Protein backbone atom coordinates (compact mmCIF):
# COMPACT_ATOMS: atom_id res chain seq x y z
CA UNK A 1 126.11 108.30 185.15
CA UNK A 2 123.79 108.57 182.39
CA UNK A 3 124.29 106.27 179.96
CA UNK A 4 124.54 107.79 176.31
CA UNK A 5 124.00 105.83 172.84
CA UNK A 6 126.44 105.19 170.86
CA UNK A 7 126.88 108.17 168.22
CA UNK A 8 126.99 105.57 165.15
CA UNK A 9 123.30 104.64 166.50
CA UNK A 10 122.26 108.40 167.10
CA UNK A 11 123.56 108.26 163.22
CA UNK A 12 121.29 105.52 162.15
CA UNK A 13 117.90 107.05 163.91
CA UNK A 14 118.69 110.30 162.42
CA UNK A 15 119.07 108.82 158.64
CA UNK A 16 115.62 106.16 158.94
CA UNK A 17 114.17 109.80 160.24
CA UNK A 18 114.90 110.98 157.14
CA UNK A 19 114.56 108.14 154.93
CA UNK A 20 110.91 108.00 156.48
CA UNK A 21 110.24 111.49 155.51
CA UNK A 22 111.48 111.68 152.18
CA UNK A 23 109.07 108.20 151.54
CA UNK A 24 106.21 110.31 152.67
CA UNK A 25 106.81 112.72 150.52
CA UNK A 26 107.65 110.91 147.08
CA UNK A 27 104.53 108.97 148.08
CA UNK A 28 102.62 112.02 148.41
CA UNK A 29 104.13 113.24 144.97
CA UNK A 30 102.69 110.26 143.66
CA UNK A 31 99.83 110.68 144.95
CA UNK A 32 99.37 113.88 143.16
CA UNK A 33 100.49 113.20 140.07
CA UNK A 34 98.51 110.18 139.76
CA UNK A 35 94.79 112.20 140.70
CA UNK A 36 96.13 114.95 138.32
CA UNK A 37 96.95 112.27 135.94
CA UNK A 38 93.31 110.67 136.02
CA UNK A 39 91.82 114.20 135.75
CA UNK A 40 93.34 114.61 132.55
CA UNK A 41 93.27 111.05 131.24
CA UNK A 42 89.21 111.85 132.29
CA UNK A 43 88.88 114.15 130.21
CA UNK A 44 87.14 113.37 126.50
CA UNK A 45 88.32 115.89 123.69
CA UNK A 46 84.61 115.94 123.19
CA UNK A 47 82.23 115.88 125.68
CA UNK A 48 80.37 112.67 126.06
CA UNK A 49 76.73 112.51 125.39
CA UNK A 50 74.05 112.83 127.97
CA UNK A 51 72.64 109.60 128.81
CA UNK A 52 69.12 111.31 128.77
CA UNK A 53 69.38 114.08 126.56
CA UNK A 54 68.60 113.13 122.98
CA UNK A 55 69.95 114.84 120.13
CA UNK A 56 69.63 114.98 116.23
CA UNK A 57 72.22 115.89 114.07
CA UNK A 58 72.15 116.89 110.73
CA UNK A 59 73.59 114.46 107.61
CA UNK A 60 75.06 115.26 104.42
CA UNK A 61 74.17 112.47 101.84
CA UNK A 62 73.23 111.98 98.18
CA UNK A 63 69.51 111.61 99.82
CA UNK A 64 68.25 109.06 102.58
CA UNK A 65 67.00 106.24 99.31
CA UNK A 66 70.32 106.15 98.65
CA UNK A 67 71.71 105.94 101.81
CA UNK A 68 69.71 102.92 102.51
CA UNK A 69 70.91 101.77 99.33
CA UNK A 70 74.30 101.81 100.34
CA UNK A 71 73.70 100.81 103.95
CA UNK A 72 71.12 98.93 104.22
CA UNK A 73 67.42 99.33 105.22
CA UNK A 74 68.39 98.11 108.47
CA UNK A 75 70.74 100.70 109.48
CA UNK A 76 68.51 102.49 112.02
CA UNK A 77 67.53 99.87 113.63
CA UNK A 78 71.04 99.06 114.34
CA UNK A 79 72.11 102.42 114.93
CA UNK A 80 69.18 102.97 117.45
CA UNK A 81 69.93 100.06 119.19
CA UNK A 82 73.35 101.51 120.20
CA UNK A 83 72.65 105.36 120.18
CA UNK A 84 69.37 105.33 121.41
CA UNK A 85 68.98 108.86 121.72
CA UNK A 86 70.70 110.12 118.45
CA UNK A 87 68.95 110.75 115.38
CA UNK A 88 69.70 112.26 112.42
CA UNK A 89 68.25 113.67 108.96
CA UNK A 90 69.28 113.84 105.74
CA UNK A 91 70.65 116.75 103.77
CA UNK A 92 70.37 115.91 100.14
CA UNK A 93 72.96 116.84 97.41
CA UNK A 94 70.92 115.57 94.35
CA UNK A 95 68.43 118.63 95.53
CA UNK A 96 70.82 121.18 94.45
CA UNK A 97 71.52 119.98 90.67
CA UNK A 98 67.68 121.69 89.37
CA UNK A 99 70.01 124.84 90.75
CA UNK A 100 72.74 124.26 89.48
CA UNK A 101 71.16 123.98 85.83
CA UNK A 102 68.55 127.26 86.32
CA UNK A 103 71.37 129.35 87.93
CA UNK A 104 74.31 128.20 85.77
CA UNK A 105 76.21 128.25 88.81
CA UNK A 106 79.05 125.51 89.55
CA UNK A 107 79.13 122.68 92.00
CA UNK A 108 81.02 124.79 94.86
CA UNK A 109 78.72 127.37 94.83
CA UNK A 110 75.52 125.30 95.61
CA UNK A 111 77.11 123.07 98.06
CA UNK A 112 78.28 126.31 99.58
CA UNK A 113 74.80 127.40 99.28
CA UNK A 114 73.60 124.05 100.81
CA UNK A 115 76.12 124.54 103.34
CA UNK A 116 74.80 127.70 104.83
CA UNK A 117 71.06 127.04 104.70
CA UNK A 118 70.65 124.11 106.20
CA UNK A 119 73.91 123.60 108.75
CA UNK A 120 74.72 120.14 108.32
CA UNK A 121 76.60 118.65 111.20
CA UNK A 122 78.35 115.77 109.12
CA UNK A 123 79.41 116.95 105.35
CA UNK A 124 79.55 114.34 102.65
CA UNK A 125 82.06 115.11 99.80
CA UNK A 126 82.09 113.27 96.60
CA UNK A 127 84.73 115.90 95.11
CA UNK A 128 88.05 115.87 97.07
CA UNK A 129 89.44 118.96 95.84
CA UNK A 130 86.45 120.91 97.35
CA UNK A 131 87.03 118.74 100.64
CA UNK A 132 90.90 119.85 100.11
CA UNK A 133 89.60 123.32 99.77
CA UNK A 134 87.40 123.39 103.03
CA UNK A 135 89.94 121.42 105.45
CA UNK A 136 92.95 124.07 104.62
CA UNK A 137 90.26 126.71 105.19
CA UNK A 138 89.50 125.71 108.70
CA UNK A 139 85.83 125.12 108.21
CA UNK A 140 86.50 121.22 109.29
CA UNK A 141 86.75 119.75 112.56
CA UNK A 142 90.04 117.92 113.13
CA UNK A 143 89.82 114.53 113.74
CA UNK A 144 93.04 113.46 115.01
CA UNK A 145 92.87 114.43 118.76
CA UNK A 146 89.67 112.39 119.28
CA UNK A 147 90.92 109.31 117.07
CA UNK A 148 94.29 109.35 119.45
CA UNK A 149 91.90 109.42 122.44
CA UNK A 150 89.70 107.08 121.40
CA UNK A 151 92.45 104.59 119.57
CA UNK A 152 90.10 104.43 116.75
CA UNK A 153 91.59 101.95 114.34
CA UNK A 154 93.19 103.80 111.00
CA UNK A 155 95.77 100.71 110.54
CA UNK A 156 93.92 98.70 108.85
CA UNK A 157 92.83 100.90 106.35
CA UNK A 158 94.18 99.91 102.73
CA UNK A 159 97.62 100.87 102.19
CA UNK A 160 98.13 104.95 101.62
CA UNK A 161 94.53 105.53 102.15
CA UNK A 162 95.12 107.46 105.33
CA UNK A 163 98.30 109.41 104.10
CA UNK A 164 96.37 110.93 101.28
CA UNK A 165 93.41 112.12 103.65
CA UNK A 166 96.26 113.67 105.54
CA UNK A 167 97.95 115.27 102.12
CA UNK A 168 94.68 116.38 101.57
CA UNK A 169 94.47 118.48 105.33
CA UNK A 170 98.32 119.76 105.24
CA UNK A 171 99.16 116.68 107.35
CA UNK A 172 95.69 116.80 109.86
CA UNK A 173 93.17 114.29 109.29
CA UNK A 174 89.58 115.76 108.71
CA UNK A 175 87.42 113.28 106.95
CA UNK A 176 87.34 109.11 106.68
CA UNK A 177 86.05 107.30 103.75
CA UNK A 178 84.30 103.76 104.01
CA UNK A 179 84.47 103.03 100.24
CA UNK A 180 86.56 103.61 96.62
CA UNK A 181 86.74 102.89 93.14
CA UNK A 182 89.81 102.44 91.08
CA UNK A 183 90.70 101.29 87.51
CA UNK A 184 91.83 97.49 86.59
CA UNK A 185 92.74 95.85 83.38
CA UNK A 186 90.16 93.58 82.64
CA UNK A 187 91.07 90.84 80.05
CA UNK A 188 89.63 87.83 78.18
CA UNK A 189 91.28 84.82 79.24
CA UNK A 190 89.56 82.98 76.23
CA UNK A 191 91.11 84.86 73.66
CA UNK A 192 94.75 85.22 75.24
CA UNK A 193 94.49 81.36 75.51
CA UNK A 194 93.01 81.24 71.67
CA UNK A 195 96.06 82.84 70.34
CA UNK A 196 98.64 81.75 72.76
CA UNK A 197 99.90 85.04 74.13
CA UNK A 198 100.65 85.21 77.72
CA UNK A 199 98.16 87.61 79.61
CA UNK A 200 98.56 90.58 81.26
CA UNK A 201 100.23 90.39 84.99
CA UNK A 202 100.26 93.14 88.02
CA UNK A 203 102.08 96.13 87.61
CA UNK A 204 102.84 96.13 84.32
CA UNK A 205 104.38 99.20 82.47
CA UNK A 206 102.31 101.20 79.99
CA UNK A 207 104.97 100.47 77.41
CA UNK A 208 104.57 96.80 78.46
CA UNK A 209 100.60 97.12 78.29
CA UNK A 210 101.01 98.67 75.25
CA UNK A 211 103.61 95.98 73.55
CA UNK A 212 101.52 93.29 75.08
CA UNK A 213 98.11 95.08 73.15
CA UNK A 214 99.90 94.59 70.04
CA UNK A 215 100.11 91.34 69.56
CA UNK A 216 96.58 91.31 68.82
CA UNK A 217 97.11 94.00 66.13
CA UNK A 218 95.83 92.30 62.69
CA UNK A 219 94.08 88.88 64.35
CA UNK A 220 90.57 88.37 63.65
CA UNK A 221 89.04 89.30 60.70
CA UNK A 222 88.33 92.13 57.85
CA UNK A 223 84.93 92.32 59.39
CA UNK A 224 85.74 91.77 63.15
CA UNK A 225 89.37 92.70 63.78
CA UNK A 226 90.46 91.99 67.47
CA UNK A 227 91.87 95.04 69.33
CA UNK A 228 94.42 94.38 72.06
CA UNK A 229 93.35 97.42 74.65
CA UNK A 230 90.82 99.90 74.98
CA UNK A 231 90.06 102.64 77.09
CA UNK A 232 86.10 101.48 79.08
CA UNK A 233 84.77 104.31 76.24
CA UNK A 234 86.94 104.21 73.85
CA UNK A 235 87.88 107.66 74.33
CA UNK A 236 91.45 108.34 73.12
CA UNK A 237 92.21 111.61 74.95
CA UNK A 238 91.42 109.40 78.22
CA UNK A 239 93.92 106.97 77.52
CA UNK A 240 96.21 109.92 77.02
CA UNK A 241 95.06 111.95 80.54
CA UNK A 242 95.53 108.11 82.22
CA UNK A 243 99.02 107.44 81.01
CA UNK A 244 100.08 111.00 81.68
CA UNK A 245 98.53 110.60 85.03
CA UNK A 246 100.34 107.70 85.84
CA UNK A 247 103.88 109.45 85.20
CA UNK A 248 102.81 112.42 87.30
CA UNK A 249 103.08 114.90 84.09
CA UNK A 250 100.72 117.98 85.35
CA UNK A 251 98.90 119.74 82.37
CA UNK A 252 99.58 123.85 84.20
CA UNK A 253 102.60 125.61 85.47
CA UNK A 254 103.25 124.98 88.74
CA UNK A 255 101.46 128.37 89.45
CA UNK A 256 98.35 126.83 88.39
CA UNK A 257 98.02 130.19 85.49
CA UNK A 258 98.51 128.06 82.43
CA UNK A 259 98.91 125.38 80.28
CA UNK A 260 102.03 123.60 80.38
CA UNK A 261 101.70 120.67 77.83
CA UNK A 262 104.16 121.16 75.24
CA UNK A 263 107.11 119.70 77.10
CA UNK A 264 108.79 116.28 76.24
CA UNK A 265 106.41 113.92 79.03
CA UNK A 266 103.30 115.00 77.18
CA UNK A 267 104.74 114.59 73.26
CA UNK A 268 106.09 111.26 74.68
CA UNK A 269 102.66 109.97 75.73
CA UNK A 270 101.16 111.31 72.57
CA UNK A 271 103.15 109.88 70.64
CA UNK A 272 102.62 106.24 72.55
CA UNK A 273 99.09 106.65 72.19
CA UNK A 274 99.30 107.94 68.41
CA UNK A 275 101.20 105.25 67.23
CA UNK A 276 98.76 102.27 69.06
CA UNK A 277 95.54 103.59 67.34
CA UNK A 278 97.09 103.84 64.43
CA UNK A 279 98.63 100.32 64.09
CA UNK A 280 95.24 98.57 65.71
CA UNK A 281 96.70 97.95 68.80
CA UNK A 282 94.14 99.91 70.55
CA UNK A 283 90.77 100.75 69.54
CA UNK A 284 89.28 103.91 69.66
CA UNK A 285 86.00 105.31 68.47
CA UNK A 286 86.50 107.76 64.97
CA UNK A 287 86.67 111.85 65.81
CA UNK A 288 83.42 112.36 64.55
CA UNK A 289 81.59 109.77 66.55
CA UNK A 290 79.74 111.64 69.28
CA UNK A 291 77.99 108.64 71.32
CA UNK A 292 80.96 106.70 72.98
CA UNK A 293 79.94 103.47 74.58
CA UNK A 294 80.74 101.74 77.70
CA UNK A 295 83.36 98.76 76.17
CA UNK A 296 81.50 96.30 77.67
CA UNK A 297 79.57 94.50 74.68
CA UNK A 298 82.79 94.57 72.38
CA UNK A 299 84.87 92.97 75.02
CA UNK A 300 82.36 90.40 75.55
CA UNK A 301 82.00 89.58 71.96
CA UNK A 302 86.03 89.23 71.93
CA UNK A 303 86.26 92.02 69.88
CA UNK A 304 88.77 93.83 72.70
CA UNK A 305 91.53 91.87 74.47
CA UNK A 306 92.00 93.97 77.55
CA UNK A 307 89.86 97.18 78.90
CA UNK A 308 91.29 99.69 81.00
CA UNK A 309 88.18 99.88 82.94
CA UNK A 310 86.81 101.79 85.77
CA UNK A 311 84.16 101.06 88.70
CA UNK A 312 81.22 101.62 86.24
CA UNK A 313 82.39 98.89 84.32
CA UNK A 314 82.96 96.08 86.39
CA UNK A 315 79.44 96.88 87.62
CA UNK A 316 78.33 95.82 84.09
CA UNK A 317 80.48 92.76 83.90
CA UNK A 318 79.22 91.55 87.32
CA UNK A 319 75.65 91.74 86.11
CA UNK A 320 76.60 88.54 83.97
CA UNK A 321 78.95 88.35 81.46
CA UNK A 322 77.00 86.64 78.43
CA UNK A 323 78.61 86.48 74.96
CA UNK A 324 76.55 86.51 72.13
CA UNK A 325 76.28 82.57 72.44
CA UNK A 326 75.28 82.49 75.62
CA UNK A 327 77.93 81.22 77.38
CA UNK A 328 79.67 83.13 80.19
CA UNK A 329 82.71 84.69 79.53
CA UNK A 330 85.94 83.82 81.22
CA UNK A 331 87.93 86.95 82.55
CA UNK A 332 90.10 88.29 84.96
CA UNK A 333 91.63 91.36 86.37
CA UNK A 334 95.06 93.00 87.29
CA UNK A 335 96.07 96.48 88.11
CA UNK A 336 96.21 98.99 85.88
CA UNK A 337 99.61 100.25 84.25
CA UNK A 338 102.41 101.55 86.64
CA UNK A 339 104.97 104.37 86.43
CA UNK A 340 108.38 101.61 87.20
CA UNK A 341 109.81 104.54 89.01
CA UNK A 342 107.04 104.21 91.74
CA UNK A 343 105.51 100.66 91.00
CA UNK A 344 103.37 100.34 93.96
CA UNK A 345 101.37 103.62 93.57
CA UNK A 346 97.89 104.43 91.13
CA UNK A 347 96.38 107.46 90.04
CA UNK A 348 93.02 106.15 89.25
CA UNK A 349 92.30 105.69 93.25
CA UNK A 350 89.07 107.40 93.79
CA UNK A 351 86.81 107.75 97.05
CA UNK A 352 83.20 106.87 96.76
CA UNK A 353 83.07 110.08 99.41
CA UNK A 354 84.45 111.60 102.47
CA UNK A 355 82.54 112.22 105.54
CA UNK A 356 83.69 115.40 107.77
CA UNK A 357 82.21 117.12 110.74
CA UNK A 358 81.76 120.99 110.43
CA UNK A 359 84.04 122.94 112.79
CA UNK A 360 81.26 125.38 113.57
CA UNK A 361 79.17 122.25 114.42
CA UNK A 362 77.14 122.53 118.05
CA UNK A 363 76.98 118.76 118.02
CA UNK A 364 80.33 117.76 117.30
CA UNK A 365 80.31 114.59 120.08
CA UNK A 366 76.87 113.23 117.98
CA UNK A 367 78.04 113.57 114.72
CA UNK A 368 81.59 111.55 115.65
CA UNK A 369 79.42 108.95 116.91
CA UNK A 370 77.84 108.50 113.63
CA UNK A 371 80.84 109.37 111.60
CA UNK A 372 82.74 106.53 113.79
CA UNK A 373 79.91 104.21 113.26
CA UNK A 374 79.62 104.47 109.26
CA UNK A 375 83.40 104.03 109.02
CA UNK A 376 84.16 101.10 111.92
CA UNK A 377 85.28 97.91 111.64
CA UNK A 378 82.25 96.51 111.98
CA UNK A 379 80.14 98.37 109.31
CA UNK A 380 82.83 97.73 106.83
CA UNK A 381 82.38 93.77 107.25
CA UNK A 382 78.83 94.04 106.95
CA UNK A 383 78.86 96.06 103.59
CA UNK A 384 81.61 93.63 102.42
CA UNK A 385 78.55 92.06 101.48
CA UNK A 386 76.71 94.20 100.12
CA UNK A 387 76.61 94.40 96.35
CA UNK A 388 75.75 98.40 96.28
CA UNK A 389 78.57 99.28 98.74
CA UNK A 390 81.80 99.19 96.82
CA UNK A 391 85.16 98.36 97.94
CA UNK A 392 85.85 99.06 101.05
CA UNK A 393 88.41 100.82 102.08
CA UNK A 394 89.22 98.31 105.07
CA UNK A 395 91.21 96.28 103.18
CA UNK A 396 90.50 92.77 105.10
CA UNK A 397 86.97 92.15 104.47
CA UNK A 398 86.99 92.12 100.89
CA UNK A 399 88.39 89.13 99.57
CA UNK A 400 86.17 87.76 96.46
CA UNK A 401 84.39 89.59 93.81
CA UNK A 402 82.61 87.43 91.56
CA UNK A 403 84.79 84.52 92.35
CA UNK A 404 88.04 86.49 91.99
CA UNK A 405 90.64 87.74 94.07
CA UNK A 406 90.46 91.17 94.95
CA UNK A 407 94.31 91.62 94.96
CA UNK A 408 94.90 94.11 91.93
CA UNK A 409 92.08 96.30 94.14
CA UNK A 410 94.32 96.49 97.14
CA UNK A 411 98.01 96.28 96.01
CA UNK A 412 98.32 99.77 94.65
CA UNK A 413 98.33 102.73 97.20
CA UNK A 414 96.74 105.89 96.06
CA UNK A 415 99.46 107.97 94.25
CA UNK A 416 101.16 110.73 96.78
CA UNK A 417 99.96 114.08 95.90
CA UNK A 418 97.00 113.25 94.23
CA UNK A 419 96.70 111.26 91.13
CA UNK A 420 95.17 114.65 89.09
CA UNK A 421 96.98 116.33 85.95
CA UNK A 422 95.38 119.59 86.93
CA UNK A 423 97.41 119.38 90.85
CA UNK A 424 95.92 120.50 93.96
CA UNK A 425 92.40 122.51 95.27
CA UNK A 426 94.06 125.73 94.24
CA UNK A 427 93.82 125.83 90.87
CA UNK A 428 90.90 127.85 89.45
CA UNK A 429 89.82 125.88 86.42
CA UNK A 430 86.25 126.66 85.12
CA UNK A 431 83.43 124.10 83.81
CA UNK A 432 84.01 125.54 80.76
CA UNK A 433 86.78 124.35 80.49
CA UNK A 434 86.80 121.32 81.78
CA UNK A 435 84.10 120.19 79.60
CA UNK A 436 85.82 121.91 76.33
CA UNK A 437 90.17 120.19 76.92
CA UNK A 438 89.57 117.05 76.19
CA UNK A 439 87.83 117.98 72.81
CA UNK A 440 90.69 120.29 72.31
CA UNK A 441 92.90 117.15 73.08
CA UNK A 442 91.43 114.39 71.14
CA UNK A 443 91.44 116.88 67.84
CA UNK A 444 94.63 117.21 68.03
CA UNK A 445 95.51 113.53 68.62
CA UNK A 446 93.54 112.50 65.76
CA UNK A 447 95.81 114.92 63.61
CA UNK A 448 98.79 112.72 64.47
CA UNK A 449 97.06 109.67 64.09
CA UNK A 450 95.39 109.95 60.81
CA UNK A 451 97.67 112.93 59.61
CA UNK A 452 100.53 112.69 60.70
CA UNK A 453 101.07 116.18 62.15
CA UNK A 454 103.77 115.76 64.77
CA UNK A 455 103.79 115.39 68.19
CA UNK A 456 105.01 118.81 69.05
CA UNK A 457 103.26 120.68 66.39
CA UNK A 458 100.14 119.02 68.26
CA UNK A 459 101.35 119.82 71.41
CA UNK A 460 102.17 123.08 70.40
CA UNK A 461 98.83 123.88 69.28
CA UNK A 462 96.77 121.81 72.23
CA UNK A 463 98.77 124.19 74.91
CA UNK A 464 98.30 127.45 72.63
CA UNK A 465 94.58 126.78 71.92
CA UNK A 466 93.69 125.64 75.87
CA UNK A 467 95.28 128.97 77.00
CA UNK A 468 93.17 130.82 74.91
CA UNK A 469 90.26 128.79 76.57
CA UNK A 470 91.35 128.70 79.97
CA UNK A 471 91.60 132.37 79.67
CA UNK A 472 87.82 132.85 77.93
CA UNK A 473 86.48 130.39 80.72
CA UNK A 474 88.18 132.71 83.38
CA UNK A 475 87.23 136.07 81.93
CA UNK A 476 82.99 134.54 82.39
CA UNK A 477 83.94 133.56 85.27
CA UNK A 478 84.70 136.71 86.49
CA UNK A 479 82.23 137.77 84.50
CA UNK A 480 79.38 136.06 86.17
CA UNK A 481 80.70 136.94 89.92
CA UNK A 482 80.92 140.19 89.11
CA UNK A 483 77.15 140.66 88.04
CA UNK A 484 76.14 138.30 90.89
CA UNK A 485 77.33 140.49 93.45
CA UNK A 486 75.41 143.72 91.83
C-alpha cells in the first residue's frame, strides 16, 4: 500500500512554493526599480565638470576692478582653490557707456549688442525690467531644476526675494541676486529728544509720518528753520512718486499706452505732498533751483529731523556723521512708510545686480558653479564684513551697521508685482520721456504749492502734457529705429 500525504500538506507545499515565487518576483522588481531609480538619480541636470579639462567662462560685470572691490582681492585665490580648472574673464558693462553717448542709443540697445559681440556665459543685470524681458523671451537658463537637484539653499534669502525673482520669470527662477539696497527713514535722535517729540517707528503710514513731520513746522529760527522731513535730494516730485509707489498707484493705463494720472489716488497723493511742503513740514528745493544736493549736510546741521534716504544717503552717513561742532551726531533709522493695506511690503527694495546664465551658453555647468559660489551662504557671510558689498540678500549675516540694528532693512518684503509706478518690462517708455516727465510733475506741484492750483487741474495738466511728451518720445524712437534699418 502506497502511503499518500494528507491533502492539507500538499496544499501547504503548493502554497509555500507559490509564495516563494512571488517573493522572488517582488525582490527582482524592487531590484530593477532600485537600479533604474539609481540611474535616474545619478544623471545630473547639468553634466559635471571633467576633472582634467580646463574651462574658461565669460562673466559680465561692471568691470574687473569693480568686481574685486565688491568681492575682495582674494576672490581669485579662494575660487581657484575650489575650482582649479575653471577660469573666467570679465565682459565690462562700463565700456558700453561711451557708445550710448556717441550713438544716441539706449542702455538696452548697447547691452544687447555687448551680448551679441562677446557671448557671455553669465549675464549681469542692473535693470530688473531688462532681466524680466530676457527671461520671458527665453534667453536665460531656468535655474529651478539644478537648484532642486542640488538642494541649493534659497530659504535663507530675505523674505519675498525669491518670490520677486519668480515674478520676473513668470513663476520660474532665472537669476539670483547676492545684495540689495533699500530706502529707510533716518532720523536725528537729538532733535526729537530736544523738542520732546516721540521718534518715528517701523511701519508707519505716510499719513502718520507727515503728521509727525508737521510737529517740527515753525520750530527753529527765521534764519535756521527746522523741517520735519525731506526726500534725500530734496525733490518734491520724488516724494510724490514714493508715496504713489507705496500705494500701488500706476502712472500708465493697463495697456501701458497712455498716462492715467488724473485719478483720485494721484490727486490725493498730490494734495498730501503740496500741503506738507506749503506748511513747511517738508523741505523741498524751490522750482528754480537747478542743482539738488544730497540732504546729509542739512540733516547733520539739525535743519531736518527725518530724511527718506537711499543707499547713497546711508553711505554718506557711514563715512562719519560729524556736526558743525565736530561732535558725532546721534541718529537712527526705521522702515520707510508703508501702505496700511500691506504693512509688510516696500516698493523701495532694489537689487544691486542679478546674475543669470545665458540660455545658449555652452558652459552652463561651469557658469552655474561660478554663479552658485558668488550667491552662496559662505560668500554672503564673508561679504557681510565688507564695506563695499552692500546689504546681503541672505538675511542672517548683516546684523548691525555702525552699531545700529539692520532690522529695518529686512523687515519689509519687496512689494508684490514690483514697486514701479510704470508697471512691467512690456511698457515702452523712451529715455526722452523718462527724463522729462519728472520735471513736468514738479512744475505742476509747485503750481499747487505756490499759486493754489487745484489737484484736479494739476493732475489733468500732467496727464495732457505727459501724453504729448510720451507720443513725441515714441515717435522719435520709431523714426530713429527706422533710420537705423536703412
